[in-house]
Amino acid sequence: MELAATPEARRNGLMHRQALPPDQGMLLAYPRERVLKMWMLNTFIPLDVGFFDSGGRLVNRLSMEPDGGRRIYASAAPARYALEMNRGWFDRHRIAPGARLVLPRPVEAR
């Protein structure tokens, strides 16, 4: 799992990748909860994103299409983390709203 905890790392996200290994992804961590907004600018892989609040509860998840950044994908409620994974990953692992994100250590985000 890659971690994006700085503004620059979050801005770059998974841009310019041609592939992502099956169980790899990126956790985008923010300094505080807010409605998070994502886009697919320069992202060529179909992704699913799960938005988690400060307590690690999955607020909602969305499927994102490579579309050149035309569409904005937003969390349904304030969230602190966004987990981007290959399309279908959340379904394959039966991860639904209300599920908990357990981090091995606290994440310091700027």
PDB file of N, CA and C in Angstrom:
ATOM      1  N   MET A   1       0.846  -1.170   0.000  1.00  0.00           N
ATOM      2  CA  MET A   1       0.000   0.000   0.000  1.00  0.00           C
ATOM      3  C   MET A   1       0.892   1.233   0.000  1.00  0.00           C
ATOM      4  N   GLU A   2       0.651   2.123  -0.932  1.00  0.00           N
ATOM      5  CA  GLU A   2       1.366   3.397  -0.959  1.00  0.00           C
ATOM      6  C   GLU A   2       0.605   4.399  -0.096  1.00  0.00           C
ATOM      7  N   LEU A   3       1.327   5.307   0.502  1.00  0.00           N
ATOM      8  CA  LEU A   3       0.730   6.338   1.340  1.00  0.00           C
ATOM      9  C   LEU A   3       0.997   7.698   0.720  1.00  0.00           C
ATOM     10  N   ALA A   4      -0.049   8.495   0.585  1.00  0.00           N
ATOM     11  CA  ALA A   4       0.062   9.881   0.124  1.00  0.00           C
ATOM     12  C   ALA A   4      -0.442  10.761   1.261  1.00  0.00           C
ATOM     13  N   ALA A   5       0.488  11.361   2.017  1.00  0.00           N
ATOM     14  CA  ALA A   5       0.115  12.135   3.208  1.00  0.00           C
ATOM     15  C   ALA A   5       0.552  13.584   3.124  1.00  0.00           C
ATOM     16  N   THR A   6       1.079  14.000   1.971  1.00  0.00           N
ATOM     17  CA  THR A   6       1.467  15.396   1.767  1.00  0.00           C
ATOM     18  C   THR A   6       0.638  15.953   0.616  1.00  0.00           C
ATOM     19  N   PRO A   7       0.499  17.277   0.539  1.00  0.00           N
ATOM     20  CA  PRO A   7      -0.267  17.841  -0.572  1.00  0.00           C
ATOM     21  C   PRO A   7       0.254  17.387  -1.940  1.00  0.00           C
ATOM     22  N   GLU A   8       1.570  17.362  -2.113  1.00  0.00           N
ATOM     23  CA  GLU A   8       2.130  16.960  -3.410  1.00  0.00           C
ATOM     24  C   GLU A   8       1.830  15.497  -3.724  1.00  0.00           C
ATOM     25  N   ALA A   9       2.000  14.627  -2.744  1.00  0.00           N
ATOM     26  CA  ALA A   9       1.725  13.202  -2.967  1.00  0.00           C
ATOM     27  C   ALA A   9       0.247  12.973  -3.272  1.00  0.00           C
ATOM     28  N   ARG A  10      -0.644  13.669  -2.577  1.00  0.00           N
ATOM     29  CA  ARG A  10      -2.085  13.526  -2.849  1.00  0.00           C
ATOM     30  C   ARG A  10      -2.430  14.073  -4.226  1.00  0.00           C
ATOM     31  N   ARG A  11      -1.819  15.176  -4.604  1.00  0.00           N
ATOM     32  CA  ARG A  11      -2.073  15.777  -5.919  1.00  0.00           C
ATOM     33  C   ARG A  11      -1.667  14.807  -7.031  1.00  0.00           C
ATOM     34  N   ASN A  12      -0.540  14.138  -6.883  1.00  0.00           N
ATOM     35  CA  ASN A  12      -0.064  13.200  -7.907  1.00  0.00           C
ATOM     36  C   ASN A  12      -0.824  11.883  -7.879  1.00  0.00           C
ATOM     37  N   GLY A  13      -1.181  11.419  -6.695  1.00  0.00           N
ATOM     38  CA  GLY A  13      -1.964  10.195  -6.572  1.00  0.00           C
ATOM     39  C   GLY A  13      -1.445   9.073  -7.450  1.00  0.00           C
ATOM     40  N   LEU A  14      -2.332   8.454  -8.204  1.00  0.00           N
ATOM     41  CA  LEU A  14      -1.971   7.354  -9.098  1.00  0.00           C
ATOM     42  C   LEU A  14      -1.881   7.810 -10.553  1.00  0.00           C
ATOM     43  N   MET A  15      -1.616   9.085 -10.764  1.00  0.00           N
ATOM     44  CA  MET A  15      -1.482   9.605 -12.129  1.00  0.00           C
ATOM     45  C   MET A  15      -0.362   8.899 -12.885  1.00  0.00           C
ATOM     46  N   HIS A  16      -0.566   8.765 -14.177  1.00  0.00           N
ATOM     47  CA  HIS A  16       0.433   8.273 -15.138  1.00  0.00           C
ATOM     48  C   HIS A  16       0.784   6.800 -14.965  1.00  0.00           C
ATOM     49  N   ARG A  17       0.039   6.062 -14.166  1.00  0.00           N
ATOM     50  CA  ARG A  17       0.286   4.621 -14.026  1.00  0.00           C
ATOM     51  C   ARG A  17      -0.435   3.895 -15.159  1.00  0.00           C
ATOM     52  N   GLN A  18       0.203   2.882 -15.679  1.00  0.00           N
ATOM     53  CA  GLN A  18      -0.424   2.061 -16.720  1.00  0.00           C
ATOM     54  C   GLN A  18      -1.074   0.811 -16.128  1.00  0.00           C
ATOM     55  N   ALA A  19      -0.670   0.445 -14.928  1.00  0.00           N
ATOM     56  CA  ALA A  19      -1.218  -0.746 -14.268  1.00  0.00           C
ATOM     57  C   ALA A  19      -1.014  -0.609 -12.766  1.00  0.00           C
ATOM     58  N   LEU A  20      -1.761  -1.406 -12.034  1.00  0.00           N
ATOM     59  CA  LEU A  20      -1.657  -1.451 -10.578  1.00  0.00           C
ATOM     60  C   LEU A  20      -1.784  -2.923 -10.181  1.00  0.00           C
ATOM     61  N   PRO A  21      -0.823  -3.477  -9.427  1.00  0.00           N
ATOM     62  CA  PRO A  21      -0.945  -4.883  -9.019  1.00  0.00           C
ATOM     63  C   PRO A  21      -2.274  -5.130  -8.301  1.00  0.00           C
ATOM     64  N   PRO A  22      -2.781  -6.373  -8.358  1.00  0.00           N
ATOM     65  CA  PRO A  22      -4.135  -6.676  -7.885  1.00  0.00           C
ATOM     66  C   PRO A  22      -4.490  -6.175  -6.484  1.00  0.00           C
ATOM     67  N   ASP A  23      -3.653  -6.373  -5.504  1.00  0.00           N
ATOM     68  CA  ASP A  23      -3.996  -5.967  -4.141  1.00  0.00           C
ATOM     69  C   ASP A  23      -3.158  -4.794  -3.658  1.00  0.00           C
ATOM     70  N   GLN A  24      -2.704  -3.983  -4.581  1.00  0.00           N
ATOM     71  CA  GLN A  24      -1.972  -2.763  -4.240  1.00  0.00           C
ATOM     72  C   GLN A  24      -2.901  -1.575  -4.446  1.00  0.00           C
ATOM     73  N   GLY A  25      -2.605  -0.490  -3.775  1.00  0.00           N
ATOM     74  CA  GLY A  25      -3.401   0.716  -3.924  1.00  0.00           C
ATOM     75  C   GLY A  25      -2.711   1.873  -3.253  1.00  0.00           C
ATOM     76  N   MET A  26      -3.464   2.940  -3.071  1.00  0.00           N
ATOM     77  CA  MET A  26      -2.910   4.132  -2.434  1.00  0.00           C
ATOM     78  C   MET A  26      -3.899   4.653  -1.406  1.00  0.00           C
ATOM     79  N   LEU A  27      -3.382   4.917  -0.211  1.00  0.00           N
ATOM     80  CA  LEU A  27      -4.162   5.556   0.842  1.00  0.00           C
ATOM     81  C   LEU A  27      -3.790   7.028   0.852  1.00  0.00           C
ATOM     82  N   LEU A  28      -4.771   7.885   0.584  1.00  0.00           N
ATOM     83  CA  LEU A  28      -4.571   9.328   0.646  1.00  0.00           C
ATOM     84  C   LEU A  28      -5.072   9.785   2.009  1.00  0.00           C
ATOM     85  N   ALA A  29      -4.180  10.351   2.805  1.00  0.00           N
ATOM     86  CA  ALA A  29      -4.513  10.791   4.159  1.00  0.00           C
ATOM     87  C   ALA A  29      -4.503  12.312   4.208  1.00  0.00           C
ATOM     88  N   TYR A  30      -5.500  12.876   4.865  1.00  0.00           N
ATOM     89  CA  TYR A  30      -5.651  14.328   4.980  1.00  0.00           C
ATOM     90  C   TYR A  30      -5.520  14.728   6.447  1.00  0.00           C
ATOM     91  N   PRO A  31      -5.126  15.975   6.719  1.00  0.00           N
ATOM     92  CA  PRO A  31      -4.916  16.396   8.108  1.00  0.00           C
ATOM     93  C   PRO A  31      -6.192  16.459   8.943  1.00  0.00           C
ATOM     94  N   ARG A  32      -7.346  16.627   8.299  1.00  0.00           N
ATOM     95  CA  ARG A  32      -8.606  16.704   9.040  1.00  0.00           C
ATOM     96  C   ARG A  32      -9.747  16.233   8.137  1.00  0.00           C
ATOM     97  N   GLU A  33     -10.866  15.943   8.754  1.00  0.00           N
ATOM     98  CA  GLU A  33     -12.039  15.523   7.986  1.00  0.00           C
ATOM     99  C   GLU A  33     -12.604  16.686   7.188  1.00  0.00           C
ATOM    100  N   ARG A  34     -13.075  16.356   6.005  1.00  0.00           N
ATOM    101  CA  ARG A  34     -13.806  17.293   5.148  1.00  0.00           C
ATOM    102  C   ARG A  34     -14.402  16.468   4.012  1.00  0.00           C
ATOM    103  N   VAL A  35     -15.290  17.066   3.243  1.00  0.00           N
ATOM    104  CA  VAL A  35     -15.775  16.368   2.057  1.00  0.00           C
ATOM    105  C   VAL A  35     -14.595  16.294   1.094  1.00  0.00           C
ATOM    106  N   LEU A  36     -14.207  15.076   0.754  1.00  0.00           N
ATOM    107  CA  LEU A  36     -13.061  14.871  -0.134  1.00  0.00           C
ATOM    108  C   LEU A  36     -13.541  14.765  -1.569  1.00  0.00           C
ATOM    109  N   LYS A  37     -12.791  15.364  -2.468  1.00  0.00           N
ATOM    110  CA  LYS A  37     -13.131  15.342  -3.892  1.00  0.00           C
ATOM    111  C   LYS A  37     -11.944  14.810  -4.675  1.00  0.00           C
ATOM    112  N   MET A  38     -12.231  13.879  -5.592  1.00  0.00           N
ATOM    113  CA  MET A  38     -11.203  13.244  -6.409  1.00  0.00           C
ATOM    114  C   MET A  38     -11.551  13.452  -7.878  1.00  0.00           C
ATOM    115  N   TRP A  39     -10.539  13.331  -8.725  1.00  0.00           N
ATOM    116  CA  TRP A  39     -10.771  13.313 -10.162  1.00  0.00           C
ATOM    117  C   TRP A  39      -9.775  12.365 -10.785  1.00  0.00           C
ATOM    118  N   MET A  40      -9.927  12.097 -12.066  1.00  0.00           N
ATOM    119  CA  MET A  40      -9.112  11.088 -12.741  1.00  0.00           C
ATOM    120  C   MET A  40      -8.201  11.714 -13.802  1.00  0.00           C
ATOM    121  N   LEU A  41      -7.765  12.930 -13.585  1.00  0.00           N
ATOM    122  CA  LEU A  41      -6.861  13.587 -14.527  1.00  0.00           C
ATOM    123  C   LEU A  41      -5.577  12.772 -14.644  1.00  0.00           C
ATOM    124  N   ASN A  42      -5.182  12.457 -15.868  1.00  0.00           N
ATOM    125  CA  ASN A  42      -3.953  11.697 -16.153  1.00  0.00           C
ATOM    126  C   ASN A  42      -3.896  10.353 -15.429  1.00  0.00           C
ATOM    127  N   THR A  43      -5.053   9.796 -15.123  1.00  0.00           N
ATOM    128  CA  THR A  43      -5.129   8.475 -14.498  1.00  0.00           C
ATOM    129  C   THR A  43      -5.739   7.533 -15.525  1.00  0.00           C
ATOM    130  N   PHE A  44      -5.028   6.447 -15.822  1.00  0.00           N
ATOM    131  CA  PHE A  44      -5.396   5.577 -16.939  1.00  0.00           C
ATOM    132  C   PHE A  44      -5.977   4.237 -16.495  1.00  0.00           C
ATOM    133  N   ILE A  45      -6.095   4.030 -15.198  1.00  0.00           N
ATOM    134  CA  ILE A  45      -6.573   2.766 -14.639  1.00  0.00           C
ATOM    135  C   ILE A  45      -7.960   2.993 -14.034  1.00  0.00           C
ATOM    136  N   PRO A  46      -8.965   2.176 -14.361  1.00  0.00           N
ATOM    137  CA  PRO A  46     -10.246   2.294 -13.659  1.00  0.00           C
ATOM    138  C   PRO A  46     -10.037   1.953 -12.179  1.00  0.00           C
ATOM    139  N   LEU A  47     -10.547   2.792 -11.313  1.00  0.00           N
ATOM    140  CA  LEU A  47     -10.318   2.634  -9.876  1.00  0.00           C
ATOM    141  C   LEU A  47     -11.630   2.643  -9.104  1.00  0.00           C
ATOM    142  N   ASP A  48     -11.594   2.041  -7.932  1.00  0.00           N
ATOM    143  CA  ASP A  48     -12.628   2.233  -6.922  1.00  0.00           C
ATOM    144  C   ASP A  48     -11.987   3.036  -5.803  1.00  0.00           C
ATOM    145  N   VAL A  49     -12.765   3.914  -5.194  1.00  0.00           N
ATOM    146  CA  VAL A  49     -12.264   4.692  -4.057  1.00  0.00           C
ATOM    147  C   VAL A  49     -13.231   4.512  -2.896  1.00  0.00           C
ATOM    148  N   GLY A  50     -12.667   4.299  -1.719  1.00  0.00           N
ATOM    149  CA  GLY A  50     -13.449   4.251  -0.493  1.00  0.00           C
ATOM    150  C   GLY A  50     -13.069   5.430   0.370  1.00  0.00           C
ATOM    151  N   PHE A  51     -14.068   6.138   0.877  1.00  0.00           N
ATOM    152  CA  PHE A  51     -13.832   7.301   1.737  1.00  0.00           C
ATOM    153  C   PHE A  51     -14.089   6.897   3.190  1.00  0.00           C
ATOM    154  N   PHE A  52     -13.108   7.137   4.071  1.00  0.00           N
ATOM    155  CA  PHE A  52     -13.178   6.740   5.472  1.00  0.00           C
ATOM    156  C   PHE A  52     -13.099   7.965   6.371  1.00  0.00           C
ATOM    157  N   ASP A  53     -13.901   7.975   7.437  1.00  0.00           N
ATOM    158  CA  ASP A  53     -13.862   9.101   8.373  1.00  0.00           C
ATOM    159  C   ASP A  53     -12.682   8.954   9.339  1.00  0.00           C
ATOM    160  N   SER A  54     -12.542   9.888  10.270  1.00  0.00           N
ATOM    161  CA  SER A  54     -11.412   9.874  11.218  1.00  0.00           C
ATOM    162  C   SER A  54     -11.376   8.619  12.077  1.00  0.00           C
ATOM    163  N   GLY A  55     -12.527   8.036  12.323  1.00  0.00           N
ATOM    164  CA  GLY A  55     -12.590   6.803  13.100  1.00  0.00           C
ATOM    165  C   GLY A  55     -12.316   5.556  12.283  1.00  0.00           C
ATOM    166  N   GLY A  56     -12.073   5.732  10.977  1.00  0.00           N
ATOM    167  CA  GLY A  56     -11.789   4.600  10.104  1.00  0.00           C
ATOM    168  C   GLY A  56     -13.017   3.928   9.529  1.00  0.00           C
ATOM    169  N   ARG A  57     -14.201   4.523   9.693  1.00  0.00           N
ATOM    170  CA  ARG A  57     -15.441   3.936   9.166  1.00  0.00           C
ATOM    171  C   ARG A  57     -15.618   4.317   7.706  1.00  0.00           C
ATOM    172  N   LEU A  58     -15.941   3.321   6.861  1.00  0.00           N
ATOM    173  CA  LEU A  58     -16.179   3.570   5.439  1.00  0.00           C
ATOM    174  C   LEU A  58     -17.487   4.328   5.270  1.00  0.00           C
ATOM    175  N   VAL A  59     -17.383   5.550   4.787  1.00  0.00           N
ATOM    176  CA  VAL A  59     -18.543   6.422   4.572  1.00  0.00           C
ATOM    177  C   VAL A  59     -19.258   6.019   3.287  1.00  0.00           C
ATOM    178  N   ASN A  60     -18.512   5.923   2.200  1.00  0.00           N
ATOM    179  CA  ASN A  60     -19.053   5.479   0.918  1.00  0.00           C
ATOM    180  C   ASN A  60     -17.902   5.094   0.011  1.00  0.00           C
ATOM    181  N   ARG A  61     -18.262   4.456  -1.088  1.00  0.00           N
ATOM    182  CA  ARG A  61     -17.265   4.079  -2.088  1.00  0.00           C
ATOM    183  C   ARG A  61     -17.841   4.346  -3.464  1.00  0.00           C
ATOM    184  N   LEU A  62     -16.956   4.630  -4.398  1.00  0.00           N
ATOM    185  CA  LEU A  62     -17.364   4.978  -5.756  1.00  0.00           C
ATOM    186  C   LEU A  62     -16.443   4.301  -6.757  1.00  0.00           C
ATOM    187  N   SER A  63     -16.946   4.075  -7.963  1.00  0.00           N
ATOM    188  CA  SER A  63     -16.127   3.612  -9.076  1.00  0.00           C
ATOM    189  C   SER A  63     -15.780   4.821  -9.924  1.00  0.00           C
ATOM    190  N   MET A  64     -14.507   4.919 -10.291  1.00  0.00           N
ATOM    191  CA  MET A  64     -14.027   6.076 -11.054  1.00  0.00           C
ATOM    192  C   MET A  64     -13.481   5.603 -12.401  1.00  0.00           C
ATOM    193  N   GLU A  65     -13.892   6.281 -13.454  1.00  0.00           N
ATOM    194  CA  GLU A  65     -13.486   5.959 -14.821  1.00  0.00           C
ATOM    195  C   GLU A  65     -12.369   6.885 -15.286  1.00  0.00           C
ATOM    196  N   PRO A  66     -11.409   6.368 -16.051  1.00  0.00           N
ATOM    197  CA  PRO A  66     -10.428   7.259 -16.676  1.00  0.00           C
ATOM    198  C   PRO A  66     -11.167   8.160 -17.671  1.00  0.00           C
ATOM    199  N   ASP A  67     -11.265   9.426 -17.371  1.00  0.00           N
ATOM    200  CA  ASP A  67     -12.059  10.336 -18.209  1.00  0.00           C
ATOM    201  C   ASP A  67     -11.354  11.667 -18.450  1.00  0.00           C
ATOM    202  N   GLY A  68     -10.067  11.721 -18.199  1.00  0.00           N
ATOM    203  CA  GLY A  68      -9.332  12.965 -18.417  1.00  0.00           C
ATOM    204  C   GLY A  68      -9.618  14.035 -17.378  1.00  0.00           C
ATOM    205  N   GLY A  69     -10.253  13.670 -16.277  1.00  0.00           N
ATOM    206  CA  GLY A  69     -10.519  14.634 -15.217  1.00  0.00           C
ATOM    207  C   GLY A  69     -11.808  15.407 -15.380  1.00  0.00           C
ATOM    208  N   ARG A  70     -12.708  14.923 -16.233  1.00  0.00           N
ATOM    209  CA  ARG A  70     -13.959  15.661 -16.469  1.00  0.00           C
ATOM    210  C   ARG A  70     -14.947  15.553 -15.309  1.00  0.00           C
ATOM    211  N   ARG A  71     -14.929  14.461 -14.580  1.00  0.00           N
ATOM    212  CA  ARG A  71     -15.906  14.253 -13.503  1.00  0.00           C
ATOM    213  C   ARG A  71     -15.221  14.379 -12.143  1.00  0.00           C
ATOM    214  N   ILE A  72     -15.970  14.903 -11.177  1.00  0.00           N
ATOM    215  CA  ILE A  72     -15.500  14.999  -9.794  1.00  0.00           C
ATOM    216  C   ILE A  72     -16.233  13.930  -8.981  1.00  0.00           C
ATOM    217  N   TYR A  73     -15.485  13.188  -8.180  1.00  0.00           N
ATOM    218  CA  TYR A  73     -16.025  12.145  -7.309  1.00  0.00           C
ATOM    219  C   TYR A  73     -15.850  12.623  -5.874  1.00  0.00           C
ATOM    220  N   ALA A  74     -16.935  12.684  -5.109  1.00  0.00           N
ATOM    221  CA  ALA A  74     -16.870  13.259  -3.760  1.00  0.00           C
ATOM    222  C   ALA A  74     -17.369  12.275  -2.707  1.00  0.00           C
ATOM    223  N   SER A  75     -16.828  12.430  -1.508  1.00  0.00           N
ATOM    224  CA  SER A  75     -17.312  11.630  -0.377  1.00  0.00           C
ATOM    225  C   SER A  75     -18.723  12.095  -0.018  1.00  0.00           C
ATOM    226  N   ALA A  76     -19.540  11.158   0.466  1.00  0.00           N
ATOM    227  CA  ALA A  76     -20.925  11.472   0.825  1.00  0.00           C
ATOM    228  C   ALA A  76     -21.020  12.242   2.135  1.00  0.00           C
ATOM    229  N   ALA A  77     -19.952  12.241   2.909  1.00  0.00           N
ATOM    230  CA  ALA A  77     -19.887  12.927   4.203  1.00  0.00           C
ATOM    231  C   ALA A  77     -18.418  13.275   4.442  1.00  0.00           C
ATOM    232  N   PRO A  78     -18.132  14.075   5.455  1.00  0.00           N
ATOM    233  CA  PRO A  78     -16.724  14.374   5.734  1.00  0.00           C
ATOM    234  C   PRO A  78     -15.915  13.084   5.939  1.00  0.00           C
ATOM    235  N   ALA A  79     -14.723  13.075   5.374  1.00  0.00           N
ATOM    236  CA  ALA A  79     -13.829  11.917   5.447  1.00  0.00           C
ATOM    237  C   ALA A  79     -12.402  12.413   5.651  1.00  0.00           C
ATOM    238  N   ARG A  80     -11.571  11.531   6.162  1.00  0.00           N
ATOM    239  CA  ARG A  80     -10.163  11.881   6.373  1.00  0.00           C
ATOM    240  C   ARG A  80      -9.226  11.069   5.488  1.00  0.00           C
ATOM    241  N   TYR A  81      -9.713   9.928   4.999  1.00  0.00           N
ATOM    242  CA  TYR A  81      -8.891   9.036   4.186  1.00  0.00           C
ATOM    243  C   TYR A  81      -9.648   8.643   2.922  1.00  0.00           C
ATOM    244  N   ALA A  82      -8.895   8.482   1.843  1.00  0.00           N
ATOM    245  CA  ALA A  82      -9.440   7.933   0.603  1.00  0.00           C
ATOM    246  C   ALA A  82      -8.532   6.777   0.198  1.00  0.00           C
ATOM    247  N   LEU A  83      -9.117   5.609   0.017  1.00  0.00           N
ATOM    248  CA  LEU A  83      -8.358   4.428  -0.385  1.00  0.00           C
ATOM    249  C   LEU A  83      -8.685   4.118  -1.840  1.00  0.00           C
ATOM    250  N   GLU A  84      -7.692   4.293  -2.722  1.00  0.00           N
ATOM    251  CA  GLU A  84      -7.863   4.019  -4.150  1.00  0.00           C
ATOM    252  C   GLU A  84      -7.309   2.635  -4.459  1.00  0.00           C
ATOM    253  N   MET A  85      -8.157   1.804  -5.068  1.00  0.00           N
ATOM    254  CA  MET A  85      -7.793   0.428  -5.403  1.00  0.00           C
ATOM    255  C   MET A  85      -8.278   0.126  -6.819  1.00  0.00           C
ATOM    256  N   ASN A  86      -7.779  -0.979  -7.395  1.00  0.00           N
ATOM    257  CA  ASN A  86      -8.262  -1.418  -8.698  1.00  0.00           C
ATOM    258  C   ASN A  86      -9.770  -1.616  -8.661  1.00  0.00           C
ATOM    259  N   ARG A  87     -10.402  -1.380  -9.813  1.00  0.00           N
ATOM    260  CA  ARG A  87     -11.849  -1.569  -9.941  1.00  0.00           C
ATOM    261  C   ARG A  87     -12.242  -2.966  -9.469  1.00  0.00           C
ATOM    262  N   GLY A  88     -13.251  -3.043  -8.637  1.00  0.00           N
ATOM    263  CA  GLY A  88     -13.784  -4.309  -8.154  1.00  0.00           C
ATOM    264  C   GLY A  88     -13.172  -4.810  -6.855  1.00  0.00           C
ATOM    265  N   TRP A  89     -12.119  -4.158  -6.380  1.00  0.00           N
ATOM    266  CA  TRP A  89     -11.421  -4.631  -5.179  1.00  0.00           C
ATOM    267  C   TRP A  89     -12.348  -4.649  -3.959  1.00  0.00           C
ATOM    268  N   PHE A  90     -13.110  -3.596  -3.742  1.00  0.00           N
ATOM    269  CA  PHE A  90     -14.000  -3.533  -2.575  1.00  0.00           C
ATOM    270  C   PHE A  90     -15.062  -4.638  -2.652  1.00  0.00           C
ATOM    271  N   ASP A  91     -15.619  -4.875  -3.844  1.00  0.00           N
ATOM    272  CA  ASP A  91     -16.607  -5.950  -4.003  1.00  0.00           C
ATOM    273  C   ASP A  91     -15.982  -7.314  -3.744  1.00  0.00           C
ATOM    274  N   ARG A  92     -14.810  -7.571  -4.321  1.00  0.00           N
ATOM    275  CA  ARG A  92     -14.152  -8.873  -4.138  1.00  0.00           C
ATOM    276  C   ARG A  92     -13.867  -9.167  -2.668  1.00  0.00           C
ATOM    277  N   HIS A  93     -13.601  -8.132  -1.907  1.00  0.00           N
ATOM    278  CA  HIS A  93     -13.288  -8.312  -0.489  1.00  0.00           C
ATOM    279  C   HIS A  93     -14.494  -8.042   0.415  1.00  0.00           C
ATOM    280  N   ARG A  94     -15.661  -7.844  -0.210  1.00  0.00           N
ATOM    281  CA  ARG A  94     -16.924  -7.633   0.515  1.00  0.00           C
ATOM    282  C   ARG A  94     -16.817  -6.501   1.533  1.00  0.00           C
ATOM    283  N   ILE A  95     -16.238  -5.401   1.083  1.00  0.00           N
ATOM    284  CA  ILE A  95     -16.078  -4.227   1.950  1.00  0.00           C
ATOM    285  C   ILE A  95     -17.176  -3.229   1.599  1.00  0.00           C
ATOM    286  N   ALA A  96     -18.047  -2.976   2.556  1.00  0.00           N
ATOM    287  CA  ALA A  96     -19.224  -2.137   2.343  1.00  0.00           C
ATOM    288  C   ALA A  96     -19.211  -0.978   3.332  1.00  0.00           C
ATOM    289  N   PRO A  97     -20.039   0.056   3.078  1.00  0.00           N
ATOM    290  CA  PRO A  97     -20.120   1.167   4.028  1.00  0.00           C
ATOM    291  C   PRO A  97     -20.333   0.663   5.452  1.00  0.00           C
ATOM    292  N   GLY A  98     -19.606   1.296   6.374  1.00  0.00           N
ATOM    293  CA  GLY A  98     -19.629   0.893   7.772  1.00  0.00           C
ATOM    294  C   GLY A  98     -18.414   0.057   8.155  1.00  0.00           C
ATOM    295  N   ALA A  99     -17.741  -0.537   7.157  1.00  0.00           N
ATOM    296  CA  ALA A  99     -16.530  -1.327   7.431  1.00  0.00           C
ATOM    297  C   ALA A  99     -15.462  -0.419   8.032  1.00  0.00           C
ATOM    298  N   ARG A 100     -14.529  -1.014   8.737  1.00  0.00           N
ATOM    299  CA  ARG A 100     -13.471  -0.253   9.418  1.00  0.00           C
ATOM    300  C   ARG A 100     -12.131  -0.390   8.712  1.00  0.00           C
ATOM    301  N   LEU A 101     -11.439   0.719   8.605  1.00  0.00           N
ATOM    302  CA  LEU A 101     -10.062   0.770   8.120  1.00  0.00           C
ATOM    303  C   LEU A 101      -9.162   0.700   9.347  1.00  0.00           C
ATOM    304  N   VAL A 102      -8.299  -0.297   9.405  1.00  0.00           N
ATOM    305  CA  VAL A 102      -7.381  -0.451  10.531  1.00  0.00           C
ATOM    306  C   VAL A 102      -5.978  -0.155  10.024  1.00  0.00           C
ATOM    307  N   LEU A 103      -5.372   0.878  10.579  1.00  0.00           N
ATOM    308  CA  LEU A 103      -4.019   1.270  10.182  1.00  0.00           C
ATOM    309  C   LEU A 103      -3.013   0.692  11.173  1.00  0.00           C
ATOM    310  N   PRO A 104      -1.871   0.194  10.682  1.00  0.00           N
ATOM    311  CA  PRO A 104      -0.884  -0.395  11.591  1.00  0.00           C
ATOM    312  C   PRO A 104      -0.234   0.625  12.520  1.00  0.00           C
ATOM    313  N   ARG A 105      -0.269   1.889  12.119  1.00  0.00           N
ATOM    314  CA  ARG A 105       0.290   2.962  12.948  1.00  0.00           C
ATOM    315  C   ARG A 105      -0.434   4.251  12.587  1.00  0.00           C
ATOM    316  N   PRO A 106      -0.435   5.238  13.477  1.00  0.00           N
ATOM    317  CA  PRO A 106      -1.078   6.517  13.156  1.00  0.00           C
ATOM    318  C   PRO A 106      -0.425   7.162  11.930  1.00  0.00           C
ATOM    319  N   VAL A 107      -1.230   7.848  11.148  1.00  0.00           N
ATOM    320  CA  VAL A 107      -0.741   8.522   9.946  1.00  0.00           C
ATOM    321  C   VAL A 107      -0.710  10.021  10.203  1.00  0.00           C
ATOM    322  N   GLU A 108       0.444  10.610  10.048  1.00  0.00           N
ATOM    323  CA  GLU A 108       0.607  12.066  10.146  1.00  0.00           C
ATOM    324  C   GLU A 108       0.433  12.649   8.749  1.00  0.00           C
ATOM    325  N   ALA A 109      -0.594  13.431   8.551  1.00  0.00           N
ATOM    326  CA  ALA A 109      -0.838  14.042   7.244  1.00  0.00           C
ATOM    327  C   ALA A 109      -0.647  15.546   7.338  1.00  0.00           C
ATOM    328  N   ARG A 110      -0.098  16.110   6.273  1.00  0.00           N
ATOM    329  CA  ARG A 110       0.066  17.568   6.202  1.00  0.00           C
ATOM    330  C   ARG A 110      -0.881  18.128   5.170  1.00  0.00           C
TER     331      ARG A 110
END
